[in-house]
Each structure stands twice: as structure tokens, then as C-alpha cells.
Amino acid sequence: MTAEPPPTLVVRGLTKRFGGVTALSEVDLEVGRGEVVAIVGENGAGKSTVVNVLSGMCRADGGTILLDDVRVRIDSPGRAHSLGISTVFQGLALCENLDVVKNLFLGREIGSFWMDESTMERQSTQLLRQIFSTVSRVRDRVGDLSGGQRQTVAIARTLLGNPSIVILDEPTAALGTTQRMQVLDQITQLRARGLGVIMISHNLDDVGAVADRVVVLRHGRNNGVFQVASTTAEQVHHAMTGAVPTRSLFGQGRSRGRHQAG
């Protein structure tokens, strides 16, 4: 029998302190190829700290990080990017006064002596089509796009670096139903491309729709890892808070193909 390949990302014993406060304590995490792993928890559970450590925004105080079975150290955003870890933060970090093409290639422009605008425009269009984006004109200003379209641009920008891991911090926050479903659809496209996806979310409906596994953090520690296909929302919510919700949020079905936004 052929041995299973190792997970793309393995985190063991991740610990982070801020002064006398321990934000993360011995946190474990694994993400495989073509897998969406959701990290959930209440405010202060440590979700954002995990994102900041893996994206190089802050350094861990303890633990090990393996990428494709090789131990690595992530001590800066540039280092994370060079290792194939791309992050879309909740604030998106887009320049609203620039068009889509310039946002996608900001800092990575094509051309030796002058920018190759036609090539960048063509690649932008192709990239957005690959993730079924609703952005049809790549020369539109980002400030004129909807919230869901801006999220799409931010997701597309991560793919230019050919990452193996994409981290999405609250990708559907503050979006309407149609835009939310479009973004969830794009997350399934990332999985279909064989990428490992880490999705930080407070919305268990969204988690149940696209995630393969759920990692629950509570008070900076692991408090459960669940396979979505065989888990109820009650179990996840109980691990997050200790309380049982009044209804199941995973009972609305899951989609492995494209979501139908309507």
C-alpha cells in the first residue's frame, strides 16, 4: 500500500505569550493538501494569534512548525510568503484608489524597466476566472467594488505566489447572503486546486458548508478537533462555550461543488 503523504502543515505545541498573558498554550494543528480546516472559538480564544504567528506577524515563544515534513521558522511576513503561506486578513489590506490589476500585482509588478500592463491585465482576468469571481472588469477601482468582490480580489492576490497554505481570517464577515455564498464557493475552488486552507470564522453555518475539519480553541488551548461530516453543531458549540445551542447549524447540508448564490 502507498503511504499517505504527510500533511502540508503540522503545528505542535504552539505557545505565545504577551507579557504575563498566555495567548496560546501548546496548540496543535494539521492541514492537509486539498483540505479546509476551520479554527473556531469565542473572542479571546487565540484564533487571531494563530493567524499572526503563521503569517509571520509575531513570533511564537514555543512549539514547532513543519511544512511538507520540514521544520521551519516563521519570523516575518516575508518569510511566511517565501515558505508558501499566504494570508487574507479581515481588513483585506487593499488600496481602494487603485484598480484590480494594480492591487493584485502590488509589489510584484511584471516588467524589468517598465510595467507590462497587458500581461498583468491578462493574468488578472485569468486568475479571477479560475476562482469564479464576479469581478468582470479588472480596470475598475477596488473602492467601487462590493464587499464580496473585494474579498475575491484579496483571495486572488494570494494565489500569485503559488502558495501551499492559504489563511482566511473571517472571510465572510459583514457580507450579505449572496456575497457570502460567492466567497464560500471560492474557498471550495482553493481546495479543488489542492491547497490547504485555514479558515477563521465565527459563523458555524459557513464552517459546516465548506470545512472538512474543525479545530476548537478555548482560552488559548485546543478543546476539540471534529470531522464536519460526522459532527453536529451542538458538539462544536459545546466545545467552544460549554453550552449547548438550541438548534443544529450543520444540519443544512454541505456542498463539495459550486455554491448556488441566489
C-alpha atoms as a PDB file:
ATOM      1  CA  MET A   1       0.000   0.000   0.000  1.00  0.00           C
ATOM      2  CA  THR A   2       1.170   3.530  -0.765  1.00  0.00           C
ATOM      3  CA  ALA A   3       1.877   5.547   2.355  1.00  0.00           C
ATOM      4  CA  GLU A   4      -0.278   8.603   2.921  1.00  0.00           C
ATOM      5  CA  PRO A   5       1.614  11.839   2.219  1.00  0.00           C
ATOM      6  CA  PRO A   6       2.342  13.956   5.276  1.00  0.00           C
ATOM      7  CA  PRO A   7       0.092  16.949   5.943  1.00  0.00           C
ATOM      8  CA  THR A   8       1.162  20.160   4.261  1.00  0.00           C
ATOM      9  CA  LEU A   9       1.272  21.956   7.605  1.00  0.00           C
ATOM     10  CA  VAL A  10       1.833  20.481  11.057  1.00  0.00           C
ATOM     11  CA  VAL A  11       1.927  22.649  14.180  1.00  0.00           C
ATOM     12  CA  ARG A  12       2.873  21.123  17.515  1.00  0.00           C
ATOM     13  CA  GLY A  13       2.865  22.781  20.927  1.00  0.00           C
ATOM     14  CA  LEU A  14       2.465  26.342  19.636  1.00  0.00           C
ATOM     15  CA  THR A  15       2.840  28.773  22.524  1.00  0.00           C
ATOM     16  CA  LYS A  16       2.688  32.566  22.550  1.00  0.00           C
ATOM     17  CA  ARG A  17       2.842  34.955  25.483  1.00  0.00           C
ATOM     18  CA  PHE A  18       2.244  38.678  25.665  1.00  0.00           C
ATOM     19  CA  GLY A  19       3.823  39.798  28.905  1.00  0.00           C
ATOM     20  CA  GLY A  20       2.117  37.856  31.674  1.00  0.00           C
ATOM     21  CA  VAL A  21      -0.725  36.717  29.412  1.00  0.00           C
ATOM     22  CA  THR A  22      -0.509  33.363  27.650  1.00  0.00           C
ATOM     23  CA  ALA A  23      -2.448  33.751  24.398  1.00  0.00           C
ATOM     24  CA  LEU A  24      -1.634  30.257  23.108  1.00  0.00           C
ATOM     25  CA  SER A  25      -0.649  27.238  25.151  1.00  0.00           C
ATOM     26  CA  GLU A  26       0.559  24.040  23.464  1.00  0.00           C
ATOM     27  CA  VAL A  27      -1.757  24.371  20.438  1.00  0.00           C
ATOM     28  CA  ASP A  28      -1.659  21.620  17.797  1.00  0.00           C
ATOM     29  CA  LEU A  29      -2.895  21.955  14.212  1.00  0.00           C
ATOM     30  CA  GLU A  30      -2.677  19.946  10.985  1.00  0.00           C
ATOM     31  CA  VAL A  31      -3.743  20.922   7.462  1.00  0.00           C
ATOM     32  CA  GLY A  32      -3.582  18.551   4.518  1.00  0.00           C
ATOM     33  CA  ARG A  33      -3.498  19.142   0.793  1.00  0.00           C
ATOM     34  CA  GLY A  34      -6.897  19.980  -0.598  1.00  0.00           C
ATOM     35  CA  GLU A  35      -8.360  20.370   2.890  1.00  0.00           C
ATOM     36  CA  VAL A  36     -10.259  23.196   4.545  1.00  0.00           C
ATOM     37  CA  VAL A  37      -9.671  23.378   8.288  1.00  0.00           C
ATOM     38  CA  ALA A  38     -11.766  25.835  10.266  1.00  0.00           C
ATOM     39  CA  ILE A  39     -10.494  27.311  13.520  1.00  0.00           C
ATOM     40  CA  VAL A  40     -13.329  28.430  15.755  1.00  0.00           C
ATOM     41  CA  GLY A  41     -13.681  29.774  19.275  1.00  0.00           C
ATOM     42  CA  GLU A  42     -15.087  32.646  21.231  1.00  0.00           C
ATOM     43  CA  ASN A  43     -13.415  36.063  21.378  1.00  0.00           C
ATOM     44  CA  GLY A  44     -10.060  35.732  23.104  1.00  0.00           C
ATOM     45  CA  ALA A  45      -9.756  32.027  22.307  1.00  0.00           C
ATOM     46  CA  GLY A  46      -6.481  32.572  20.411  1.00  0.00           C
ATOM     47  CA  LYS A  47      -7.656  32.372  16.789  1.00  0.00           C
ATOM     48  CA  SER A  48      -6.086  35.671  15.722  1.00  0.00           C
ATOM     49  CA  THR A  49      -2.839  34.808  17.477  1.00  0.00           C
ATOM     50  CA  VAL A  50      -2.556  31.595  15.475  1.00  0.00           C
ATOM     51  CA  VAL A  51      -3.046  33.625  12.289  1.00  0.00           C
ATOM     52  CA  ASN A  52      -0.441  36.181  13.353  1.00  0.00           C
ATOM     53  CA  VAL A  53       2.151  33.523  14.165  1.00  0.00           C
ATOM     54  CA  LEU A  54       1.665  31.547  10.945  1.00  0.00           C
ATOM     55  CA  SER A  55       1.669  34.719   8.831  1.00  0.00           C
ATOM     56  CA  GLY A  56       4.860  35.985  10.468  1.00  0.00           C
ATOM     57  CA  MET A  57       3.244  38.986  12.142  1.00  0.00           C
ATOM     58  CA  CYS A  58       4.530  37.811  15.524  1.00  0.00           C
ATOM     59  CA  ARG A  59       6.937  35.126  16.659  1.00  0.00           C
ATOM     60  CA  ALA A  60       5.970  32.073  18.664  1.00  0.00           C
ATOM     61  CA  ASP A  61       7.559  31.534  22.057  1.00  0.00           C
ATOM     62  CA  GLY A  62       7.442  27.772  21.748  1.00  0.00           C
ATOM     63  CA  GLY A  63       6.422  24.868  19.584  1.00  0.00           C
ATOM     64  CA  THR A  64       7.372  23.508  16.171  1.00  0.00           C
ATOM     65  CA  ILE A  65       6.049  24.187  12.657  1.00  0.00           C
ATOM     66  CA  LEU A  66       6.544  21.684   9.840  1.00  0.00           C
ATOM     67  CA  LEU A  67       5.854  22.400   6.166  1.00  0.00           C
ATOM     68  CA  ASP A  68       5.913  19.298   3.962  1.00  0.00           C
ATOM     69  CA  ASP A  69       7.619  17.453   6.822  1.00  0.00           C
ATOM     70  CA  VAL A  70      10.426  20.031   7.119  1.00  0.00           C
ATOM     71  CA  ARG A  71      10.783  22.100  10.273  1.00  0.00           C
ATOM     72  CA  VAL A  72      10.647  25.823   9.571  1.00  0.00           C
ATOM     73  CA  ARG A  73      10.868  29.083  11.466  1.00  0.00           C
ATOM     74  CA  ILE A  74       8.472  31.884  10.581  1.00  0.00           C
ATOM     75  CA  ASP A  75       9.876  35.171  11.827  1.00  0.00           C
ATOM     76  CA  SER A  76       8.468  37.690   9.342  1.00  0.00           C
ATOM     77  CA  PRO A  77       5.666  38.088   6.779  1.00  0.00           C
ATOM     78  CA  GLY A  78       8.257  37.828   4.008  1.00  0.00           C
ATOM     79  CA  ARG A  79       9.475  34.524   5.393  1.00  0.00           C
ATOM     80  CA  ALA A  80       5.912  33.176   5.583  1.00  0.00           C
ATOM     81  CA  HIS A  81       5.310  34.190   1.983  1.00  0.00           C
ATOM     82  CA  SER A  82       8.545  32.591   0.797  1.00  0.00           C
ATOM     83  CA  LEU A  83       7.504  29.354   2.521  1.00  0.00           C
ATOM     84  CA  GLY A  84       4.203  29.328   0.645  1.00  0.00           C
ATOM     85  CA  ILE A  85       1.881  30.661   3.353  1.00  0.00           C
ATOM     86  CA  SER A  86      -0.456  33.414   2.155  1.00  0.00           C
ATOM     87  CA  THR A  87      -2.884  35.237   4.427  1.00  0.00           C
ATOM     88  CA  VAL A  88      -6.000  37.290   3.771  1.00  0.00           C
ATOM     89  CA  PHE A  89      -6.569  39.340   6.898  1.00  0.00           C
ATOM     90  CA  GLN A  90     -10.005  40.540   7.860  1.00  0.00           C
ATOM     91  CA  GLY A  91      -9.096  44.104   6.861  1.00  0.00           C
ATOM     92  CA  LEU A  92      -8.060  42.815   3.369  1.00  0.00           C
ATOM     93  CA  ALA A  93      -5.277  45.468   3.032  1.00  0.00           C
ATOM     94  CA  LEU A  94      -6.410  46.596  -0.412  1.00  0.00           C
ATOM     95  CA  CYS A  95      -5.734  50.016  -1.935  1.00  0.00           C
ATOM     96  CA  GLU A  96      -9.184  51.351  -2.772  1.00  0.00           C
ATOM     97  CA  ASN A  97      -7.840  54.096  -5.070  1.00  0.00           C
ATOM     98  CA  LEU A  98      -6.121  51.539  -7.343  1.00  0.00           C
ATOM     99  CA  ASP A  99      -7.720  49.211  -9.862  1.00  0.00           C
ATOM    100  CA  VAL A 100      -7.940  45.442  -9.533  1.00  0.00           C
ATOM    101  CA  VAL A 101      -4.815  44.755 -11.599  1.00  0.00           C
ATOM    102  CA  LYS A 102      -2.642  47.102  -9.554  1.00  0.00           C
ATOM    103  CA  ASN A 103      -3.938  45.610  -6.310  1.00  0.00           C
ATOM    104  CA  LEU A 104      -3.228  42.071  -7.449  1.00  0.00           C
ATOM    105  CA  PHE A 105       0.334  42.854  -8.538  1.00  0.00           C
ATOM    106  CA  LEU A 106       1.212  45.491  -5.932  1.00  0.00           C
ATOM    107  CA  GLY A 107       4.858  44.888  -5.044  1.00  0.00           C
ATOM    108  CA  ARG A 108       5.099  42.081  -7.616  1.00  0.00           C
ATOM    109  CA  GLU A 109       4.744  44.022 -10.848  1.00  0.00           C
ATOM    110  CA  ILE A 110       5.808  42.326 -14.096  1.00  0.00           C
ATOM    111  CA  GLY A 111       8.465  44.076 -16.188  1.00  0.00           C
ATOM    112  CA  SER A 112      12.137  44.960 -15.916  1.00  0.00           C
ATOM    113  CA  PHE A 113      12.230  48.634 -16.922  1.00  0.00           C
ATOM    114  CA  TRP A 114       8.507  49.416 -17.106  1.00  0.00           C
ATOM    115  CA  MET A 115       5.373  47.605 -16.023  1.00  0.00           C
ATOM    116  CA  ASP A 116       3.978  45.105 -18.504  1.00  0.00           C
ATOM    117  CA  GLU A 117       0.374  46.260 -18.122  1.00  0.00           C
ATOM    118  CA  SER A 118      -1.072  43.977 -20.809  1.00  0.00           C
ATOM    119  CA  THR A 119       0.431  40.831 -19.287  1.00  0.00           C
ATOM    120  CA  MET A 120      -0.693  41.771 -15.785  1.00  0.00           C
ATOM    121  CA  GLU A 121      -4.192  42.532 -17.042  1.00  0.00           C
ATOM    122  CA  ARG A 122      -4.406  39.219 -18.892  1.00  0.00           C
ATOM    123  CA  GLN A 123      -3.151  37.229 -15.900  1.00  0.00           C
ATOM    124  CA  SER A 124      -5.534  39.076 -13.583  1.00  0.00           C
ATOM    125  CA  THR A 125      -8.501  38.154 -15.750  1.00  0.00           C
ATOM    126  CA  GLN A 126      -7.422  34.508 -15.958  1.00  0.00           C
ATOM    127  CA  LEU A 127      -6.842  34.259 -12.217  1.00  0.00           C
ATOM    128  CA  LEU A 128     -10.209  35.724 -11.318  1.00  0.00           C
ATOM    129  CA  ARG A 129     -11.943  33.364 -13.731  1.00  0.00           C
ATOM    130  CA  GLN A 130     -10.250  30.369 -12.113  1.00  0.00           C
ATOM    131  CA  ILE A 131     -11.957  31.081  -8.796  1.00  0.00           C
ATOM    132  CA  PHE A 132     -15.283  32.009 -10.443  1.00  0.00           C
ATOM    133  CA  SER A 133     -15.060  35.647  -9.462  1.00  0.00           C
ATOM    134  CA  THR A 134     -17.905  38.034 -10.284  1.00  0.00           C
ATOM    135  CA  VAL A 135     -15.370  40.801 -10.965  1.00  0.00           C
ATOM    136  CA  SER A 136     -15.709  41.301 -14.716  1.00  0.00           C
ATOM    137  CA  ARG A 137     -13.612  44.447 -15.302  1.00  0.00           C
ATOM    138  CA  VAL A 138     -10.120  44.313 -13.872  1.00  0.00           C
ATOM    139  CA  ARG A 139      -9.578  48.026 -14.505  1.00  0.00           C
ATOM    140  CA  ASP A 140     -12.349  49.002 -12.074  1.00  0.00           C
ATOM    141  CA  ARG A 141     -11.226  50.729  -8.876  1.00  0.00           C
ATOM    142  CA  VAL A 142     -11.339  48.414  -5.892  1.00  0.00           C
ATOM    143  CA  GLY A 143     -13.160  51.154  -3.988  1.00  0.00           C
ATOM    144  CA  ASP A 144     -16.070  50.753  -6.410  1.00  0.00           C
ATOM    145  CA  LEU A 145     -16.452  47.011  -5.824  1.00  0.00           C
ATOM    146  CA  SER A 146     -18.839  45.267  -3.457  1.00  0.00           C
ATOM    147  CA  GLY A 147     -17.591  43.713  -0.232  1.00  0.00           C
ATOM    148  CA  GLY A 148     -17.709  40.228  -1.711  1.00  0.00           C
ATOM    149  CA  GLN A 149     -15.811  41.313  -4.802  1.00  0.00           C
ATOM    150  CA  ARG A 150     -13.112  42.914  -2.669  1.00  0.00           C
ATOM    151  CA  GLN A 151     -12.760  39.664  -0.748  1.00  0.00           C
ATOM    152  CA  THR A 152     -12.372  37.889  -4.095  1.00  0.00           C
ATOM    153  CA  VAL A 153      -9.567  40.231  -5.137  1.00  0.00           C
ATOM    154  CA  ALA A 154      -7.792  39.621  -1.829  1.00  0.00           C
ATOM    155  CA  ILE A 155      -8.115  35.840  -2.264  1.00  0.00           C
ATOM    156  CA  ALA A 156      -6.905  36.005  -5.872  1.00  0.00           C
ATOM    157  CA  ARG A 157      -3.870  38.047  -4.809  1.00  0.00           C
ATOM    158  CA  THR A 158      -2.698  35.222  -2.528  1.00  0.00           C
ATOM    159  CA  LEU A 159      -2.578  32.804  -5.464  1.00  0.00           C
ATOM    160  CA  LEU A 160       0.042  34.802  -7.386  1.00  0.00           C
ATOM    161  CA  GLY A 161       2.722  33.474  -5.074  1.00  0.00           C
ATOM    162  CA  ASN A 162       1.785  29.809  -5.722  1.00  0.00           C
ATOM    163  CA  PRO A 163       1.129  29.094  -2.029  1.00  0.00           C
ATOM    164  CA  SER A 164       0.550  25.701  -0.450  1.00  0.00           C
ATOM    165  CA  ILE A 165      -1.362  27.168   2.515  1.00  0.00           C
ATOM    166  CA  VAL A 166      -3.939  29.979   2.382  1.00  0.00           C
ATOM    167  CA  ILE A 167      -5.195  31.512   5.633  1.00  0.00           C
ATOM    168  CA  LEU A 168      -8.535  33.345   5.524  1.00  0.00           C
ATOM    169  CA  ASP A 169      -9.394  35.450   8.568  1.00  0.00           C
ATOM    170  CA  GLU A 170     -13.196  35.855   8.832  1.00  0.00           C
ATOM    171  CA  PRO A 171     -13.648  35.802   5.041  1.00  0.00           C
ATOM    172  CA  THR A 172     -17.438  36.195   5.133  1.00  0.00           C
ATOM    173  CA  ALA A 173     -17.751  38.770   7.913  1.00  0.00           C
ATOM    174  CA  ALA A 174     -20.165  41.630   7.149  1.00  0.00           C
ATOM    175  CA  LEU A 175     -21.195  40.176   3.769  1.00  0.00           C
ATOM    176  CA  GLY A 176     -24.738  39.721   2.527  1.00  0.00           C
ATOM    177  CA  THR A 177     -26.124  36.277   1.731  1.00  0.00           C
ATOM    178  CA  THR A 178     -25.307  36.296  -1.989  1.00  0.00           C
ATOM    179  CA  GLN A 179     -21.789  37.662  -1.496  1.00  0.00           C
ATOM    180  CA  ARG A 180     -21.178  35.228   1.351  1.00  0.00           C
ATOM    181  CA  MET A 181     -22.090  32.262  -0.811  1.00  0.00           C
ATOM    182  CA  GLN A 182     -19.812  33.519  -3.570  1.00  0.00           C
ATOM    183  CA  VAL A 183     -16.869  33.659  -1.168  1.00  0.00           C
ATOM    184  CA  LEU A 184     -17.657  30.167   0.155  1.00  0.00           C
ATOM    185  CA  ASP A 185     -17.713  28.981  -3.434  1.00  0.00           C
ATOM    186  CA  GLN A 186     -14.239  30.428  -3.937  1.00  0.00           C
ATOM    187  CA  ILE A 187     -12.984  28.608  -0.854  1.00  0.00           C
ATOM    188  CA  THR A 188     -14.091  25.327  -2.427  1.00  0.00           C
ATOM    189  CA  GLN A 189     -12.111  26.328  -5.532  1.00  0.00           C
ATOM    190  CA  LEU A 190      -8.977  26.758  -3.409  1.00  0.00           C
ATOM    191  CA  ARG A 191      -9.489  23.258  -2.049  1.00  0.00           C
ATOM    192  CA  ALA A 192     -10.046  21.925  -5.576  1.00  0.00           C
ATOM    193  CA  ARG A 193      -6.654  23.372  -6.557  1.00  0.00           C
ATOM    194  CA  GLY A 194      -5.055  21.184  -3.872  1.00  0.00           C
ATOM    195  CA  LEU A 195      -4.299  23.992  -1.437  1.00  0.00           C
ATOM    196  CA  GLY A 196      -4.535  23.660   2.309  1.00  0.00           C
ATOM    197  CA  VAL A 197      -6.941  26.289   3.634  1.00  0.00           C
ATOM    198  CA  ILE A 198      -7.195  27.589   7.183  1.00  0.00           C
ATOM    199  CA  MET A 199     -10.466  29.410   7.716  1.00  0.00           C
ATOM    200  CA  ILE A 200     -11.021  31.503  10.833  1.00  0.00           C
ATOM    201  CA  SER A 201     -14.725  32.012  11.356  1.00  0.00           C
ATOM    202  CA  HIS A 202     -17.378  32.743  13.960  1.00  0.00           C
ATOM    203  CA  ASN A 203     -20.127  31.568  11.601  1.00  0.00           C
ATOM    204  CA  LEU A 204     -20.842  27.872  12.074  1.00  0.00           C
ATOM    205  CA  ASP A 205     -23.165  27.849   9.055  1.00  0.00           C
ATOM    206  CA  ASP A 206     -20.186  28.767   6.872  1.00  0.00           C
ATOM    207  CA  VAL A 207     -17.939  26.292   8.653  1.00  0.00           C
ATOM    208  CA  GLY A 208     -20.430  23.498   8.077  1.00  0.00           C
ATOM    209  CA  ALA A 209     -20.738  24.436   4.403  1.00  0.00           C
ATOM    210  CA  VAL A 210     -17.085  24.230   3.362  1.00  0.00           C
ATOM    211  CA  ALA A 211     -14.803  22.915   6.123  1.00  0.00           C
ATOM    212  CA  ASP A 212     -13.538  19.338   6.317  1.00  0.00           C
ATOM    213  CA  ARG A 213     -12.400  19.591   9.917  1.00  0.00           C
ATOM    214  CA  VAL A 214     -12.970  21.998  12.789  1.00  0.00           C
ATOM    215  CA  VAL A 215     -10.338  22.858  15.384  1.00  0.00           C
ATOM    216  CA  VAL A 216     -11.829  24.417  18.504  1.00  0.00           C
ATOM    217  CA  LEU A 217      -9.753  26.756  20.649  1.00  0.00           C
ATOM    218  CA  ARG A 218     -10.792  27.771  24.141  1.00  0.00           C
ATOM    219  CA  HIS A 219      -8.730  30.012  26.404  1.00  0.00           C
ATOM    220  CA  GLY A 220      -5.720  29.581  24.126  1.00  0.00           C
ATOM    221  CA  ARG A 221      -5.790  25.779  24.159  1.00  0.00           C
ATOM    222  CA  ASN A 222      -7.063  23.004  21.922  1.00  0.00           C
ATOM    223  CA  ASN A 223     -10.515  21.950  23.037  1.00  0.00           C
ATOM    224  CA  GLY A 224     -11.508  19.513  20.324  1.00  0.00           C
ATOM    225  CA  VAL A 225     -10.939  18.522  16.716  1.00  0.00           C
ATOM    226  CA  PHE A 226     -14.003  17.428  14.743  1.00  0.00           C
ATOM    227  CA  GLN A 227     -14.697  15.915  11.337  1.00  0.00           C
ATOM    228  CA  VAL A 228     -17.520  18.046   9.963  1.00  0.00           C
ATOM    229  CA  ALA A 229     -19.170  15.164   8.093  1.00  0.00           C
ATOM    230  CA  SER A 230     -19.754  13.260  11.343  1.00  0.00           C
ATOM    231  CA  THR A 231     -20.207  16.148  13.789  1.00  0.00           C
ATOM    232  CA  THR A 232     -23.161  18.201  14.962  1.00  0.00           C
ATOM    233  CA  ALA A 233     -23.059  21.906  15.615  1.00  0.00           C
ATOM    234  CA  GLU A 234     -24.062  21.125  19.202  1.00  0.00           C
ATOM    235  CA  GLN A 235     -20.778  19.307  19.745  1.00  0.00           C
ATOM    236  CA  VAL A 236     -18.723  22.156  18.300  1.00  0.00           C
ATOM    237  CA  HIS A 237     -20.650  24.832  20.182  1.00  0.00           C
ATOM    238  CA  HIS A 238     -20.292  22.911  23.428  1.00  0.00           C
ATOM    239  CA  ALA A 239     -16.518  22.676  22.908  1.00  0.00           C
ATOM    240  CA  MET A 240     -16.392  26.424  22.246  1.00  0.00           C
ATOM    241  CA  THR A 241     -18.501  27.609  25.170  1.00  0.00           C
ATOM    242  CA  GLY A 242     -19.571  24.726  27.381  1.00  0.00           C
ATOM    243  CA  ALA A 243     -23.198  25.487  26.448  1.00  0.00           C
ATOM    244  CA  VAL A 244     -25.454  23.525  24.096  1.00  0.00           C
ATOM    245  CA  PRO A 245     -27.145  25.597  21.340  1.00  0.00           C
ATOM    246  CA  THR A 246     -30.865  25.371  20.655  1.00  0.00           C
ATOM    247  CA  ARG A 247     -30.518  24.275  17.035  1.00  0.00           C
ATOM    248  CA  SER A 248     -28.112  22.425  14.760  1.00  0.00           C
ATOM    249  CA  LEU A 249     -26.189  24.629  12.380  1.00  0.00           C
ATOM    250  CA  PHE A 250     -24.545  21.781  10.452  1.00  0.00           C
ATOM    251  CA  GLY A 251     -27.878  20.254   9.525  1.00  0.00           C
ATOM    252  CA  GLN A 252     -28.357  22.469   6.486  1.00  0.00           C
ATOM    253  CA  GLY A 253     -26.222  20.338   4.184  1.00  0.00           C
ATOM    254  CA  ARG A 254     -22.777  20.648   2.701  1.00  0.00           C
ATOM    255  CA  SER A 255     -21.559  21.341  -0.806  1.00  0.00           C
ATOM    256  CA  ARG A 256     -18.455  19.960  -2.489  1.00  0.00           C
ATOM    257  CA  GLY A 257     -19.127  21.728  -5.762  1.00  0.00           C
ATOM    258  CA  ARG A 258     -20.043  25.279  -6.540  1.00  0.00           C
ATOM    259  CA  HIS A 259     -22.442  27.064  -4.251  1.00  0.00           C
ATOM    260  CA  GLN A 260     -25.535  28.447  -5.890  1.00  0.00           C
ATOM    261  CA  ALA A 261     -25.889  32.070  -4.878  1.00  0.00           C
ATOM    262  CA  GLY A 262     -29.315  33.484  -5.371  1.00  0.00           C
END
